[in-house]
Amino acid sequence: MLEVPPVIVHPPLHGGGRRVTVQGKDLGVAHSDRQLLEFLRQAGLPEAEDLIDDPEWVKWDGRPAHIYGGG
């Protein structure tokens, strides 16, 4: 089991979207699950669909998973 999930989906920004980091590297701001999955695929995680709801891989910080609206 990983101590810190490698993927962090940060709290929603005031203008909408959530910053996404993988092992501390900023991938950008996702405004939807589709965008999040694309970021993760580009980062070398081809099975991203199976990972986004796995807390060992992804930490949804600040708000529930799959919520991208402004904070």
PDB file of N, CA and C in Angstrom:
ATOM      1  N   MET A   1       0.838  -1.190   0.000  1.00  0.00           N
ATOM      2  CA  MET A   1       0.000   0.000   0.000  1.00  0.00           C
ATOM      3  C   MET A   1       0.875   1.243   0.000  1.00  0.00           C
ATOM      4  N   LEU A   2       0.539   2.201  -0.821  1.00  0.00           N
ATOM      5  CA  LEU A   2       1.281   3.450  -0.904  1.00  0.00           C
ATOM      6  C   LEU A   2       0.914   4.336   0.277  1.00  0.00           C
ATOM      7  N   GLU A   3       1.906   5.038   0.863  1.00  0.00           N
ATOM      8  CA  GLU A   3       1.618   5.923   1.991  1.00  0.00           C
ATOM      9  C   GLU A   3       0.905   7.188   1.532  1.00  0.00           C
ATOM     10  N   VAL A   4       1.363   7.775   0.462  1.00  0.00           N
ATOM     11  CA  VAL A   4       0.746   8.980  -0.090  1.00  0.00           C
ATOM     12  C   VAL A   4       0.323   8.652  -1.520  1.00  0.00           C
ATOM     13  N   PRO A   5      -0.952   8.848  -1.840  1.00  0.00           N
ATOM     14  CA  PRO A   5      -1.368   8.567  -3.217  1.00  0.00           C
ATOM     15  C   PRO A   5      -0.548   9.400  -4.202  1.00  0.00           C
ATOM     16  N   PRO A   6      -0.120   8.800  -5.314  1.00  0.00           N
ATOM     17  CA  PRO A   6       0.697   9.542  -6.270  1.00  0.00           C
ATOM     18  C   PRO A   6      -0.070  10.633  -7.013  1.00  0.00           C
ATOM     19  N   VAL A   7      -1.387  10.512  -7.098  1.00  0.00           N
ATOM     20  CA  VAL A   7      -2.196  11.497  -7.812  1.00  0.00           C
ATOM     21  C   VAL A   7      -2.994  12.305  -6.788  1.00  0.00           C
ATOM     22  N   ILE A   8      -2.873  13.635  -6.882  1.00  0.00           N
ATOM     23  CA  ILE A   8      -3.660  14.518  -6.029  1.00  0.00           C
ATOM     24  C   ILE A   8      -4.545  15.378  -6.929  1.00  0.00           C
ATOM     25  N   VAL A   9      -5.847  15.326  -6.661  1.00  0.00           N
ATOM     26  CA  VAL A   9      -6.797  16.224  -7.313  1.00  0.00           C
ATOM     27  C   VAL A   9      -7.121  17.270  -6.252  1.00  0.00           C
ATOM     28  N   HIS A  10      -6.578  18.455  -6.430  1.00  0.00           N
ATOM     29  CA  HIS A  10      -6.638  19.511  -5.426  1.00  0.00           C
ATOM     30  C   HIS A  10      -8.037  20.118  -5.343  1.00  0.00           C
ATOM     31  N   PRO A  11      -8.310  20.905  -4.284  1.00  0.00           N
ATOM     32  CA  PRO A  11      -9.640  21.513  -4.134  1.00  0.00           C
ATOM     33  C   PRO A  11     -10.012  22.361  -5.352  1.00  0.00           C
ATOM     34  N   PRO A  12     -11.307  22.477  -5.615  1.00  0.00           N
ATOM     35  CA  PRO A  12     -11.743  23.297  -6.749  1.00  0.00           C
ATOM     36  C   PRO A  12     -11.259  24.739  -6.620  1.00  0.00           C
ATOM     37  N   LEU A  13     -10.893  25.305  -7.751  1.00  0.00           N
ATOM     38  CA  LEU A  13     -10.488  26.708  -7.809  1.00  0.00           C
ATOM     39  C   LEU A  13     -11.736  27.579  -7.846  1.00  0.00           C
ATOM     40  N   HIS A  14     -11.603  28.834  -7.471  1.00  0.00           N
ATOM     41  CA  HIS A  14     -12.761  29.733  -7.457  1.00  0.00           C
ATOM     42  C   HIS A  14     -13.395  29.875  -8.835  1.00  0.00           C
ATOM     43  N   GLY A  15     -12.596  29.802  -9.886  1.00  0.00           N
ATOM     44  CA  GLY A  15     -13.120  29.906 -11.241  1.00  0.00           C
ATOM     45  C   GLY A  15     -13.561  28.576 -11.824  1.00  0.00           C
ATOM     46  N   GLY A  16     -13.457  27.508 -11.046  1.00  0.00           N
ATOM     47  CA  GLY A  16     -13.810  26.172 -11.506  1.00  0.00           C
ATOM     48  C   GLY A  16     -12.592  25.373 -11.905  1.00  0.00           C
ATOM     49  N   GLY A  17     -12.726  24.084 -11.908  1.00  0.00           N
ATOM     50  CA  GLY A  17     -11.636  23.180 -12.231  1.00  0.00           C
ATOM     51  C   GLY A  17     -10.812  22.845 -11.003  1.00  0.00           C
ATOM     52  N   ARG A  18     -10.030  21.780 -11.119  1.00  0.00           N
ATOM     53  CA  ARG A  18      -9.177  21.321 -10.028  1.00  0.00           C
ATOM     54  C   ARG A  18      -7.779  21.061 -10.563  1.00  0.00           C
ATOM     55  N   ARG A  19      -6.779  21.596  -9.866  1.00  0.00           N
ATOM     56  CA  ARG A  19      -5.389  21.347 -10.235  1.00  0.00           C
ATOM     57  C   ARG A  19      -5.084  19.876  -9.974  1.00  0.00           C
ATOM     58  N   VAL A  20      -4.317  19.265 -10.863  1.00  0.00           N
ATOM     59  CA  VAL A  20      -3.974  17.852 -10.765  1.00  0.00           C
ATOM     60  C   VAL A  20      -2.459  17.725 -10.725  1.00  0.00           C
ATOM     61  N   THR A  21      -1.962  16.971  -9.738  1.00  0.00           N
ATOM     62  CA  THR A  21      -0.534  16.695  -9.673  1.00  0.00           C
ATOM     63  C   THR A  21      -0.318  15.185  -9.598  1.00  0.00           C
ATOM     64  N   VAL A  22       0.767  14.732 -10.212  1.00  0.00           N
ATOM     65  CA  VAL A  22       1.188  13.341 -10.119  1.00  0.00           C
ATOM     66  C   VAL A  22       2.610  13.348  -9.594  1.00  0.00           C
ATOM     67  N   GLN A  23       2.804  12.743  -8.437  1.00  0.00           N
ATOM     68  CA  GLN A  23       4.097  12.717  -7.753  1.00  0.00           C
ATOM     69  C   GLN A  23       4.698  14.113  -7.686  1.00  0.00           C
ATOM     70  N   GLY A  24       3.863  15.091  -7.361  1.00  0.00           N
ATOM     71  CA  GLY A  24       4.304  16.467  -7.194  1.00  0.00           C
ATOM     72  C   GLY A  24       4.422  17.282  -8.467  1.00  0.00           C
ATOM     73  N   LYS A  25       4.283  16.656  -9.623  1.00  0.00           N
ATOM     74  CA  LYS A  25       4.377  17.370 -10.896  1.00  0.00           C
ATOM     75  C   LYS A  25       2.997  17.881 -11.302  1.00  0.00           C
ATOM     76  N   ASP A  26       2.906  19.179 -11.553  1.00  0.00           N
ATOM     77  CA  ASP A  26       1.639  19.808 -11.933  1.00  0.00           C
ATOM     78  C   ASP A  26       1.292  19.442 -13.373  1.00  0.00           C
ATOM     79  N   LEU A  27       0.117  18.836 -13.558  1.00  0.00           N
ATOM     80  CA  LEU A  27      -0.320  18.442 -14.899  1.00  0.00           C
ATOM     81  C   LEU A  27      -1.278  19.439 -15.525  1.00  0.00           C
ATOM     82  N   GLY A  28      -1.857  20.310 -14.714  1.00  0.00           N
ATOM     83  CA  GLY A  28      -2.804  21.287 -15.229  1.00  0.00           C
ATOM     84  C   GLY A  28      -4.067  21.299 -14.403  1.00  0.00           C
ATOM     85  N   VAL A  29      -5.086  21.961 -14.939  1.00  0.00           N
ATOM     86  CA  VAL A  29      -6.376  22.097 -14.261  1.00  0.00           C
ATOM     87  C   VAL A  29      -7.419  21.309 -15.045  1.00  0.00           C
ATOM     88  N   ALA A  30      -8.026  20.343 -14.373  1.00  0.00           N
ATOM     89  CA  ALA A  30      -9.082  19.538 -14.988  1.00  0.00           C
ATOM     90  C   ALA A  30     -10.434  20.143 -14.649  1.00  0.00           C
ATOM     91  N   HIS A  31     -11.308  20.197 -15.658  1.00  0.00           N
ATOM     92  CA  HIS A  31     -12.665  20.709 -15.468  1.00  0.00           C
ATOM     93  C   HIS A  31     -13.702  19.592 -15.562  1.00  0.00           C
ATOM     94  N   SER A  32     -13.217  18.349 -15.739  1.00  0.00           N
ATOM     95  CA  SER A  32     -14.126  17.211 -15.864  1.00  0.00           C
ATOM     96  C   SER A  32     -13.329  15.928 -15.661  1.00  0.00           C
ATOM     97  N   ASP A  33     -14.047  14.825 -15.429  1.00  0.00           N
ATOM     98  CA  ASP A  33     -13.377  13.529 -15.342  1.00  0.00           C
ATOM     99  C   ASP A  33     -12.663  13.209 -16.651  1.00  0.00           C
ATOM    100  N   ARG A  34     -13.269  13.577 -17.757  1.00  0.00           N
ATOM    101  CA  ARG A  34     -12.650  13.305 -19.063  1.00  0.00           C
ATOM    102  C   ARG A  34     -11.272  13.965 -19.159  1.00  0.00           C
ATOM    103  N   GLN A  35     -11.186  15.229 -18.738  1.00  0.00           N
ATOM    104  CA  GLN A  35      -9.898  15.928 -18.755  1.00  0.00           C
ATOM    105  C   GLN A  35      -8.920  15.290 -17.777  1.00  0.00           C
ATOM    106  N   LEU A  36      -9.406  14.932 -16.593  1.00  0.00           N
ATOM    107  CA  LEU A  36      -8.551  14.276 -15.601  1.00  0.00           C
ATOM    108  C   LEU A  36      -7.973  12.986 -16.170  1.00  0.00           C
ATOM    109  N   LEU A  37      -8.807  12.171 -16.787  1.00  0.00           N
ATOM    110  CA  LEU A  37      -8.339  10.915 -17.370  1.00  0.00           C
ATOM    111  C   LEU A  37      -7.289  11.160 -18.445  1.00  0.00           C
ATOM    112  N   GLU A  38      -7.474  12.182 -19.255  1.00  0.00           N
ATOM    113  CA  GLU A  38      -6.489  12.496 -20.296  1.00  0.00           C
ATOM    114  C   GLU A  38      -5.157  12.902 -19.670  1.00  0.00           C
ATOM    115  N   PHE A  39      -5.188  13.740 -18.634  1.00  0.00           N
ATOM    116  CA  PHE A  39      -3.948  14.111 -17.934  1.00  0.00           C
ATOM    117  C   PHE A  39      -3.232  12.863 -17.419  1.00  0.00           C
ATOM    118  N   LEU A  40      -3.985  11.943 -16.818  1.00  0.00           N
ATOM    119  CA  LEU A  40      -3.371  10.746 -16.239  1.00  0.00           C
ATOM    120  C   LEU A  40      -2.806   9.833 -17.317  1.00  0.00           C
ATOM    121  N   ARG A  41      -3.492   9.723 -18.441  1.00  0.00           N
ATOM    122  CA  ARG A  41      -2.955   8.921 -19.555  1.00  0.00           C
ATOM    123  C   ARG A  41      -1.653   9.526 -20.073  1.00  0.00           C
ATOM    124  N   GLN A  42      -1.627  10.858 -20.207  1.00  0.00           N
ATOM    125  CA  GLN A  42      -0.412  11.530 -20.670  1.00  0.00           C
ATOM    126  C   GLN A  42       0.732  11.355 -19.681  1.00  0.00           C
ATOM    127  N   ALA A  43       0.399  11.151 -18.407  1.00  0.00           N
ATOM    128  CA  ALA A  43       1.418  10.944 -17.377  1.00  0.00           C
ATOM    129  C   ALA A  43       1.867   9.485 -17.306  1.00  0.00           C
ATOM    130  N   GLY A  44       1.326   8.639 -18.189  1.00  0.00           N
ATOM    131  CA  GLY A  44       1.764   7.252 -18.234  1.00  0.00           C
ATOM    132  C   GLY A  44       0.900   6.283 -17.445  1.00  0.00           C
ATOM    133  N   LEU A  45      -0.329   6.669 -17.146  1.00  0.00           N
ATOM    134  CA  LEU A  45      -1.254   5.788 -16.430  1.00  0.00           C
ATOM    135  C   LEU A  45      -2.393   5.389 -17.370  1.00  0.00           C
ATOM    136  N   PRO A  46      -2.155   4.407 -18.255  1.00  0.00           N
ATOM    137  CA  PRO A  46      -3.150   4.052 -19.260  1.00  0.00           C
ATOM    138  C   PRO A  46      -4.431   3.466 -18.671  1.00  0.00           C
ATOM    139  N   GLU A  47      -4.378   2.923 -17.469  1.00  0.00           N
ATOM    140  CA  GLU A  47      -5.555   2.336 -16.819  1.00  0.00           C
ATOM    141  C   GLU A  47      -6.228   3.344 -15.896  1.00  0.00           C
ATOM    142  N   ALA A  48      -6.183   4.614 -16.259  1.00  0.00           N
ATOM    143  CA  ALA A  48      -6.659   5.693 -15.394  1.00  0.00           C
ATOM    144  C   ALA A  48      -8.112   5.504 -14.954  1.00  0.00           C
ATOM    145  N   GLU A  49      -8.965   4.970 -15.825  1.00  0.00           N
ATOM    146  CA  GLU A  49     -10.377   4.779 -15.461  1.00  0.00           C
ATOM    147  C   GLU A  49     -10.519   3.910 -14.225  1.00  0.00           C
ATOM    148  N   ASP A  50      -9.610   2.944 -14.074  1.00  0.00           N
ATOM    149  CA  ASP A  50      -9.660   2.030 -12.936  1.00  0.00           C
ATOM    150  C   ASP A  50      -9.042   2.633 -11.681  1.00  0.00           C
ATOM    151  N   LEU A  51      -8.346   3.755 -11.819  1.00  0.00           N
ATOM    152  CA  LEU A  51      -7.607   4.320 -10.690  1.00  0.00           C
ATOM    153  C   LEU A  51      -8.277   5.511 -10.030  1.00  0.00           C
ATOM    154  N   ILE A  52      -9.108   6.264 -10.747  1.00  0.00           N
ATOM    155  CA  ILE A  52      -9.556   7.553 -10.206  1.00  0.00           C
ATOM    156  C   ILE A  52     -10.429   7.430  -8.961  1.00  0.00           C
ATOM    157  N   ASP A  53     -11.007   6.266  -8.714  1.00  0.00           N
ATOM    158  CA  ASP A  53     -11.792   6.078  -7.495  1.00  0.00           C
ATOM    159  C   ASP A  53     -11.085   5.185  -6.478  1.00  0.00           C
ATOM    160  N   ASP A  54      -9.812   4.919  -6.709  1.00  0.00           N
ATOM    161  CA  ASP A  54      -9.017   4.097  -5.792  1.00  0.00           C
ATOM    162  C   ASP A  54      -8.199   5.017  -4.889  1.00  0.00           C
ATOM    163  N   PRO A  55      -8.515   5.085  -3.587  1.00  0.00           N
ATOM    164  CA  PRO A  55      -7.813   6.010  -2.693  1.00  0.00           C
ATOM    165  C   PRO A  55      -6.333   5.703  -2.507  1.00  0.00           C
ATOM    166  N   GLU A  56      -5.892   4.514  -2.907  1.00  0.00           N
ATOM    167  CA  GLU A  56      -4.459   4.226  -2.861  1.00  0.00           C
ATOM    168  C   GLU A  56      -3.720   4.943  -3.985  1.00  0.00           C
ATOM    169  N   TRP A  57      -4.424   5.326  -5.032  1.00  0.00           N
ATOM    170  CA  TRP A  57      -3.821   5.991  -6.182  1.00  0.00           C
ATOM    171  C   TRP A  57      -4.158   7.465  -6.283  1.00  0.00           C
ATOM    172  N   VAL A  58      -5.396   7.828  -5.926  1.00  0.00           N
ATOM    173  CA  VAL A  58      -5.860   9.204  -6.126  1.00  0.00           C
ATOM    174  C   VAL A  58      -6.444   9.754  -4.831  1.00  0.00           C
ATOM    175  N   LYS A  59      -5.956  10.926  -4.448  1.00  0.00           N
ATOM    176  CA  LYS A  59      -6.532  11.646  -3.315  1.00  0.00           C
ATOM    177  C   LYS A  59      -7.329  12.821  -3.867  1.00  0.00           C
ATOM    178  N   TRP A  60      -8.616  12.842  -3.582  1.00  0.00           N
ATOM    179  CA  TRP A  60      -9.487  13.961  -3.945  1.00  0.00           C
ATOM    180  C   TRP A  60      -9.479  14.894  -2.748  1.00  0.00           C
ATOM    181  N   ASP A  61      -8.777  15.989  -2.851  1.00  0.00           N
ATOM    182  CA  ASP A  61      -8.551  16.890  -1.730  1.00  0.00           C
ATOM    183  C   ASP A  61      -9.593  18.008  -1.705  1.00  0.00           C
ATOM    184  N   GLY A  62     -10.165  18.264  -0.546  1.00  0.00           N
ATOM    185  CA  GLY A  62     -11.000  19.443  -0.361  1.00  0.00           C
ATOM    186  C   GLY A  62     -12.480  19.295  -0.645  1.00  0.00           C
ATOM    187  N   ARG A  63     -12.857  18.541  -1.638  1.00  0.00           N
ATOM    188  CA  ARG A  63     -14.270  18.339  -1.990  1.00  0.00           C
ATOM    189  C   ARG A  63     -14.429  16.891  -2.434  1.00  0.00           C
ATOM    190  N   PRO A  64     -15.663  16.416  -2.520  1.00  0.00           N
ATOM    191  CA  PRO A  64     -15.876  15.042  -2.972  1.00  0.00           C
ATOM    192  C   PRO A  64     -15.336  14.811  -4.391  1.00  0.00           C
ATOM    193  N   ALA A  65     -15.086  13.555  -4.676  1.00  0.00           N
ATOM    194  CA  ALA A  65     -14.615  13.165  -6.007  1.00  0.00           C
ATOM    195  C   ALA A  65     -15.614  13.586  -7.074  1.00  0.00           C
ATOM    196  N   HIS A  66     -15.078  13.933  -8.227  1.00  0.00           N
ATOM    197  CA  HIS A  66     -15.855  14.225  -9.435  1.00  0.00           C
ATOM    198  C   HIS A  66     -16.613  15.552  -9.382  1.00  0.00           C
ATOM    199  N   ILE A  67     -16.302  16.409  -8.413  1.00  0.00           N
ATOM    200  CA  ILE A  67     -16.903  17.743  -8.309  1.00  0.00           C
ATOM    201  C   ILE A  67     -15.844  18.747  -8.756  1.00  0.00           C
ATOM    202  N   TYR A  68     -16.116  19.482  -9.818  1.00  0.00           N
ATOM    203  CA  TYR A  68     -15.125  20.399 -10.381  1.00  0.00           C
ATOM    204  C   TYR A  68     -15.525  21.860 -10.271  1.00  0.00           C
ATOM    205  N   GLY A  69     -16.687  22.135  -9.719  1.00  0.00           N
ATOM    206  CA  GLY A  69     -17.170  23.508  -9.601  1.00  0.00           C
ATOM    207  C   GLY A  69     -16.342  24.339  -8.642  1.00  0.00           C
ATOM    208  N   GLY A  70     -16.481  25.650  -8.770  1.00  0.00           N
ATOM    209  CA  GLY A  70     -15.709  26.592  -7.963  1.00  0.00           C
ATOM    210  C   GLY A  70     -15.865  26.366  -6.478  1.00  0.00           C
ATOM    211  N   GLY A  71     -14.751  26.622  -5.763  1.00  0.00           N
ATOM    212  CA  GLY A  71     -14.735  26.420  -4.319  1.00  0.00           C
ATOM    213  C   GLY A  71     -14.989  27.680  -3.662  1.00  0.00           C
TER     214      GLY A  71
END
